[in-house]
Amino acid sequence: MKQLMLSALLVSLLAACGSTPTKPAEKPVAQKAPVQQPQAETKPVAIDPLKDPNNILSHRSVYYDFDKSVIKAEYKPMIEAHAAYLVAHSSAKVTLQGNCDERGSREYNLALGQRRADSVKSLMEAGGVPAAQISTVSFGSEKPRALGHNEEAWAQNRRTDIVYQGE
């Protein structure tokens, strides 16, 4: 009988070990609303239209045909946009820098560069810009943009640059 009791005890112990333990009842966790961080007010960043590459005002050079000072039609909208900007910003001032390629005498190139700067000035004044906001200067062939001695370089040097004071 001892053996029977020992066997019964052993079976009950084994049965107790094989059962899955019961979990204590879980307490419901209170859901907290997510804490929202205060949103900083985002103000639009003012982009300077003169420096925005997507704005026509970032374009500042008018190019000419050889020995010409007549403004091509493709540059008129850009010059008119600069004129409108100057009218709207009466404290802004520009210098129009006339340039030439290396061909021609120094004196001839200085005169041609001046005619080029003056042609842009005339178009700006026609757009309502007071003459006091515009100055002109001719550099002739003294400030080349390209240093080559071929048509590609010369074409880059036949120009008037619009330079805002303070830049």
C-alpha atoms as a PDB file:
ATOM      1  CA  MET A   1       0.000   0.000   0.000  1.00  0.00           C
ATOM      2  CA  LYS A   2       2.814   2.272   0.643  1.00  0.00           C
ATOM      3  CA  GLN A   3       3.811   1.805  -2.861  1.00  0.00           C
ATOM      4  CA  LEU A   4       0.346   2.579  -4.106  1.00  0.00           C
ATOM      5  CA  MET A   5       0.213   5.743  -2.087  1.00  0.00           C
ATOM      6  CA  LEU A   6       3.642   6.742  -3.267  1.00  0.00           C
ATOM      7  CA  SER A   7       2.572   6.134  -6.843  1.00  0.00           C
ATOM      8  CA  ALA A   8      -0.618   8.157  -6.368  1.00  0.00           C
ATOM      9  CA  LEU A   9       1.375  10.984  -4.806  1.00  0.00           C
ATOM     10  CA  LEU A  10       3.862  10.910  -7.629  1.00  0.00           C
ATOM     11  CA  VAL A  11       1.073  10.976 -10.263  1.00  0.00           C
ATOM     12  CA  SER A  12      -0.630  13.885  -8.553  1.00  0.00           C
ATOM     13  CA  LEU A  13       2.654  15.773  -8.315  1.00  0.00           C
ATOM     14  CA  LEU A  14       3.332  15.184 -11.970  1.00  0.00           C
ATOM     15  CA  ALA A  15      -0.179  16.223 -12.869  1.00  0.00           C
ATOM     16  CA  ALA A  16       0.218  19.414 -10.856  1.00  0.00           C
ATOM     17  CA  CYS A  17       3.494  20.239 -12.624  1.00  0.00           C
ATOM     18  CA  GLY A  18       2.019  19.692 -16.059  1.00  0.00           C
ATOM     19  CA  SER A  19      -0.876  22.090 -15.637  1.00  0.00           C
ATOM     20  CA  THR A  20      -0.627  25.646 -16.923  1.00  0.00           C
ATOM     21  CA  PRO A  21      -0.446  28.212 -14.234  1.00  0.00           C
ATOM     22  CA  THR A  22      -3.293  30.627 -14.071  1.00  0.00           C
ATOM     23  CA  LYS A  23      -2.514  34.272 -14.656  1.00  0.00           C
ATOM     24  CA  PRO A  24      -3.632  36.788 -12.165  1.00  0.00           C
ATOM     25  CA  ALA A  25      -6.467  38.890 -13.503  1.00  0.00           C
ATOM     26  CA  GLU A  26      -5.132  41.839 -15.435  1.00  0.00           C
ATOM     27  CA  LYS A  27      -6.241  45.236 -14.392  1.00  0.00           C
ATOM     28  CA  PRO A  28      -7.489  47.391 -17.230  1.00  0.00           C
ATOM     29  CA  VAL A  29      -4.972  50.069 -18.087  1.00  0.00           C
ATOM     30  CA  ALA A  30      -6.455  53.506 -18.429  1.00  0.00           C
ATOM     31  CA  GLN A  31      -5.759  54.886 -21.896  1.00  0.00           C
ATOM     32  CA  LYS A  32      -4.224  58.313 -21.800  1.00  0.00           C
ATOM     33  CA  ALA A  33      -4.844  60.704 -24.620  1.00  0.00           C
ATOM     34  CA  PRO A  34      -1.597  61.426 -26.469  1.00  0.00           C
ATOM     35  CA  VAL A  35      -0.017  64.617 -25.349  1.00  0.00           C
ATOM     36  CA  GLN A  36       0.098  67.004 -28.254  1.00  0.00           C
ATOM     37  CA  GLN A  37       3.053  69.274 -28.512  1.00  0.00           C
ATOM     38  CA  PRO A  38       2.127  72.876 -29.113  1.00  0.00           C
ATOM     39  CA  GLN A  39       2.668  73.626 -32.786  1.00  0.00           C
ATOM     40  CA  ALA A  40       4.973  76.519 -33.518  1.00  0.00           C
ATOM     41  CA  GLU A  41       3.434  78.974 -35.892  1.00  0.00           C
ATOM     42  CA  THR A  42       5.109  78.675 -39.229  1.00  0.00           C
ATOM     43  CA  LYS A  43       5.462  81.931 -40.993  1.00  0.00           C
ATOM     44  CA  PRO A  44       6.253  81.928 -44.661  1.00  0.00           C
ATOM     45  CA  VAL A  45       9.852  82.806 -45.292  1.00  0.00           C
ATOM     46  CA  ALA A  46      10.138  85.871 -47.448  1.00  0.00           C
ATOM     47  CA  ILE A  47      12.295  85.104 -50.446  1.00  0.00           C
ATOM     48  CA  ASP A  48      14.089  88.032 -51.993  1.00  0.00           C
ATOM     49  CA  PRO A  49      12.767  88.113 -55.563  1.00  0.00           C
ATOM     50  CA  LEU A  50      16.115  89.479 -56.734  1.00  0.00           C
ATOM     51  CA  LYS A  51      17.830  86.291 -55.523  1.00  0.00           C
ATOM     52  CA  ASP A  52      15.126  83.716 -56.232  1.00  0.00           C
ATOM     53  CA  PRO A  53      16.374  81.708 -59.245  1.00  0.00           C
ATOM     54  CA  ASN A  54      12.744  81.031 -60.221  1.00  0.00           C
ATOM     55  CA  ASN A  55      11.982  84.748 -60.460  1.00  0.00           C
ATOM     56  CA  ILE A  56      12.647  86.766 -63.597  1.00  0.00           C
ATOM     57  CA  LEU A  57      14.341  89.408 -61.409  1.00  0.00           C
ATOM     58  CA  SER A  58      17.243  87.034 -60.785  1.00  0.00           C
ATOM     59  CA  HIS A  59      18.187  87.459 -64.445  1.00  0.00           C
ATOM     60  CA  ARG A  60      20.394  90.510 -64.790  1.00  0.00           C
ATOM     61  CA  SER A  61      22.080  90.527 -68.185  1.00  0.00           C
ATOM     62  CA  VAL A  62      20.904  91.782 -71.569  1.00  0.00           C
ATOM     63  CA  TYR A  63      22.890  90.411 -74.522  1.00  0.00           C
ATOM     64  CA  TYR A  64      23.386  92.105 -77.890  1.00  0.00           C
ATOM     65  CA  ASP A  65      24.299  91.261 -81.439  1.00  0.00           C
ATOM     66  CA  PHE A  66      27.731  92.305 -82.707  1.00  0.00           C
ATOM     67  CA  ASP A  67      28.154  96.078 -82.868  1.00  0.00           C
ATOM     68  CA  LYS A  68      24.517  96.691 -81.774  1.00  0.00           C
ATOM     69  CA  SER A  69      22.831  98.391 -78.838  1.00  0.00           C
ATOM     70  CA  VAL A  70      19.240  97.537 -79.773  1.00  0.00           C
ATOM     71  CA  ILE A  71      17.493  95.476 -77.092  1.00  0.00           C
ATOM     72  CA  LYS A  72      16.232  92.153 -78.417  1.00  0.00           C
ATOM     73  CA  ALA A  73      12.552  91.328 -77.785  1.00  0.00           C
ATOM     74  CA  GLU A  74      13.473  88.369 -75.571  1.00  0.00           C
ATOM     75  CA  TYR A  75      15.013  90.725 -72.955  1.00  0.00           C
ATOM     76  CA  LYS A  76      12.193  93.290 -72.783  1.00  0.00           C
ATOM     77  CA  PRO A  77      10.020  91.342 -70.274  1.00  0.00           C
ATOM     78  CA  MET A  78      13.018  91.003 -67.940  1.00  0.00           C
ATOM     79  CA  ILE A  79      13.861  94.708 -68.159  1.00  0.00           C
ATOM     80  CA  GLU A  80      10.186  95.620 -67.649  1.00  0.00           C
ATOM     81  CA  ALA A  81      10.076  93.378 -64.546  1.00  0.00           C
ATOM     82  CA  HIS A  82      13.120  95.186 -63.128  1.00  0.00           C
ATOM     83  CA  ALA A  83      11.456  98.512 -63.925  1.00  0.00           C
ATOM     84  CA  ALA A  84       8.290  97.451 -62.054  1.00  0.00           C
ATOM     85  CA  TYR A  85      10.416  96.358 -59.089  1.00  0.00           C
ATOM     86  CA  LEU A  86      12.220  99.704 -59.024  1.00  0.00           C
ATOM     87  CA  VAL A  87       8.925 101.616 -59.202  1.00  0.00           C
ATOM     88  CA  ALA A  88       7.569  99.548 -56.282  1.00  0.00           C
ATOM     89  CA  HIS A  89      10.817  99.961 -54.295  1.00  0.00           C
ATOM     90  CA  SER A  90      11.633 103.634 -54.600  1.00  0.00           C
ATOM     91  CA  SER A  91      14.711 103.337 -52.364  1.00  0.00           C
ATOM     92  CA  ALA A  92      16.318 100.726 -54.647  1.00  0.00           C
ATOM     93  CA  LYS A  93      18.924 101.913 -57.127  1.00  0.00           C
ATOM     94  CA  VAL A  94      20.646 100.199 -60.034  1.00  0.00           C
ATOM     95  CA  THR A  95      23.757 100.696 -62.060  1.00  0.00           C
ATOM     96  CA  LEU A  96      23.563  99.575 -65.676  1.00  0.00           C
ATOM     97  CA  GLN A  97      26.984  98.369 -66.784  1.00  0.00           C
ATOM     98  CA  GLY A  98      27.544  98.367 -70.536  1.00  0.00           C
ATOM     99  CA  ASN A  99      30.103  95.871 -71.871  1.00  0.00           C
ATOM    100  CA  CYS A 100      31.600  94.878 -75.224  1.00  0.00           C
ATOM    101  CA  ASP A 101      33.712  92.134 -76.650  1.00  0.00           C
ATOM    102  CA  GLU A 102      37.406  92.693 -77.278  1.00  0.00           C
ATOM    103  CA  ARG A 103      37.030  93.670 -80.924  1.00  0.00           C
ATOM    104  CA  GLY A 104      37.158  97.385 -81.678  1.00  0.00           C
ATOM    105  CA  SER A 105      39.259 100.202 -80.264  1.00  0.00           C
ATOM    106  CA  ARG A 106      39.099 101.135 -76.606  1.00  0.00           C
ATOM    107  CA  GLU A 107      37.282 104.389 -77.386  1.00  0.00           C
ATOM    108  CA  TYR A 108      34.787 102.719 -79.709  1.00  0.00           C
ATOM    109  CA  ASN A 109      34.004  99.983 -77.167  1.00  0.00           C
ATOM    110  CA  LEU A 110      33.513 102.508 -74.345  1.00  0.00           C
ATOM    111  CA  ALA A 111      31.024 104.424 -76.519  1.00  0.00           C
ATOM    112  CA  LEU A 112      29.212 101.236 -77.579  1.00  0.00           C
ATOM    113  CA  GLY A 113      29.035 100.019 -73.962  1.00  0.00           C
ATOM    114  CA  GLN A 114      27.512 103.378 -72.978  1.00  0.00           C
ATOM    115  CA  ARG A 115      24.880 103.131 -75.752  1.00  0.00           C
ATOM    116  CA  ARG A 116      23.988  99.658 -74.511  1.00  0.00           C
ATOM    117  CA  ALA A 117      23.573 100.808 -70.903  1.00  0.00           C
ATOM    118  CA  ASP A 118      21.570 103.829 -72.064  1.00  0.00           C
ATOM    119  CA  SER A 119      19.204 101.652 -74.122  1.00  0.00           C
ATOM    120  CA  VAL A 120      18.288  99.663 -71.004  1.00  0.00           C
ATOM    121  CA  LYS A 121      17.929 102.892 -69.022  1.00  0.00           C
ATOM    122  CA  SER A 122      15.528 104.307 -71.629  1.00  0.00           C
ATOM    123  CA  LEU A 123      13.328 101.202 -71.443  1.00  0.00           C
ATOM    124  CA  MET A 124      13.286 101.355 -67.633  1.00  0.00           C
ATOM    125  CA  GLU A 125      12.382 105.047 -67.665  1.00  0.00           C
ATOM    126  CA  ALA A 126       9.570 104.279 -70.128  1.00  0.00           C
ATOM    127  CA  GLY A 127       8.339 101.837 -67.460  1.00  0.00           C
ATOM    128  CA  GLY A 128       8.092 104.658 -64.934  1.00  0.00           C
ATOM    129  CA  VAL A 129      11.450 104.413 -63.134  1.00  0.00           C
ATOM    130  CA  PRO A 130      12.739 107.854 -62.097  1.00  0.00           C
ATOM    131  CA  ALA A 131      16.134 108.686 -63.615  1.00  0.00           C
ATOM    132  CA  ALA A 132      17.486 109.219 -60.076  1.00  0.00           C
ATOM    133  CA  GLN A 133      17.225 105.452 -59.419  1.00  0.00           C
ATOM    134  CA  ILE A 134      19.368 104.545 -62.427  1.00  0.00           C
ATOM    135  CA  SER A 135      23.012 105.205 -63.156  1.00  0.00           C
ATOM    136  CA  THR A 136      24.955 103.988 -66.170  1.00  0.00           C
ATOM    137  CA  VAL A 137      28.576 103.173 -66.775  1.00  0.00           C
ATOM    138  CA  SER A 138      30.490 101.696 -69.677  1.00  0.00           C
ATOM    139  CA  PHE A 139      33.323  99.264 -69.114  1.00  0.00           C
ATOM    140  CA  GLY A 140      33.903  98.739 -72.835  1.00  0.00           C
ATOM    141  CA  SER A 141      35.850  95.495 -73.085  1.00  0.00           C
ATOM    142  CA  GLU A 142      37.496  95.881 -69.651  1.00  0.00           C
ATOM    143  CA  LYS A 143      35.203  93.447 -67.738  1.00  0.00           C
ATOM    144  CA  PRO A 144      34.829  90.361 -69.912  1.00  0.00           C
ATOM    145  CA  ARG A 145      32.616  87.556 -68.630  1.00  0.00           C
ATOM    146  CA  ALA A 146      34.363  85.021 -70.867  1.00  0.00           C
ATOM    147  CA  LEU A 147      38.073  85.125 -71.656  1.00  0.00           C
ATOM    148  CA  GLY A 148      38.062  83.254 -74.956  1.00  0.00           C
ATOM    149  CA  HIS A 149      38.835  84.760 -78.363  1.00  0.00           C
ATOM    150  CA  ASN A 150      35.946  83.242 -80.296  1.00  0.00           C
ATOM    151  CA  GLU A 151      32.293  83.958 -81.048  1.00  0.00           C
ATOM    152  CA  GLU A 152      31.060  82.036 -77.999  1.00  0.00           C
ATOM    153  CA  ALA A 153      33.147  84.180 -75.626  1.00  0.00           C
ATOM    154  CA  TRP A 154      32.429  87.411 -77.497  1.00  0.00           C
ATOM    155  CA  ALA A 155      28.664  86.758 -77.312  1.00  0.00           C
ATOM    156  CA  GLN A 156      28.877  86.548 -73.500  1.00  0.00           C
ATOM    157  CA  ASN A 157      30.807  89.809 -73.327  1.00  0.00           C
ATOM    158  CA  ARG A 158      28.358  91.891 -75.429  1.00  0.00           C
ATOM    159  CA  ARG A 159      25.966  92.751 -72.621  1.00  0.00           C
ATOM    160  CA  THR A 160      24.486  95.189 -70.137  1.00  0.00           C
ATOM    161  CA  ASP A 161      24.445  94.007 -66.522  1.00  0.00           C
ATOM    162  CA  ILE A 162      21.800  95.255 -64.088  1.00  0.00           C
ATOM    163  CA  VAL A 163      23.502  95.675 -60.704  1.00  0.00           C
ATOM    164  CA  TYR A 164      21.517  96.691 -57.626  1.00  0.00           C
ATOM    165  CA  GLN A 165      23.363  98.914 -55.182  1.00  0.00           C
ATOM    166  CA  GLY A 166      24.358  97.048 -52.073  1.00  0.00           C
ATOM    167  CA  GLU A 167      24.951  93.755 -53.871  1.00  0.00           C
END
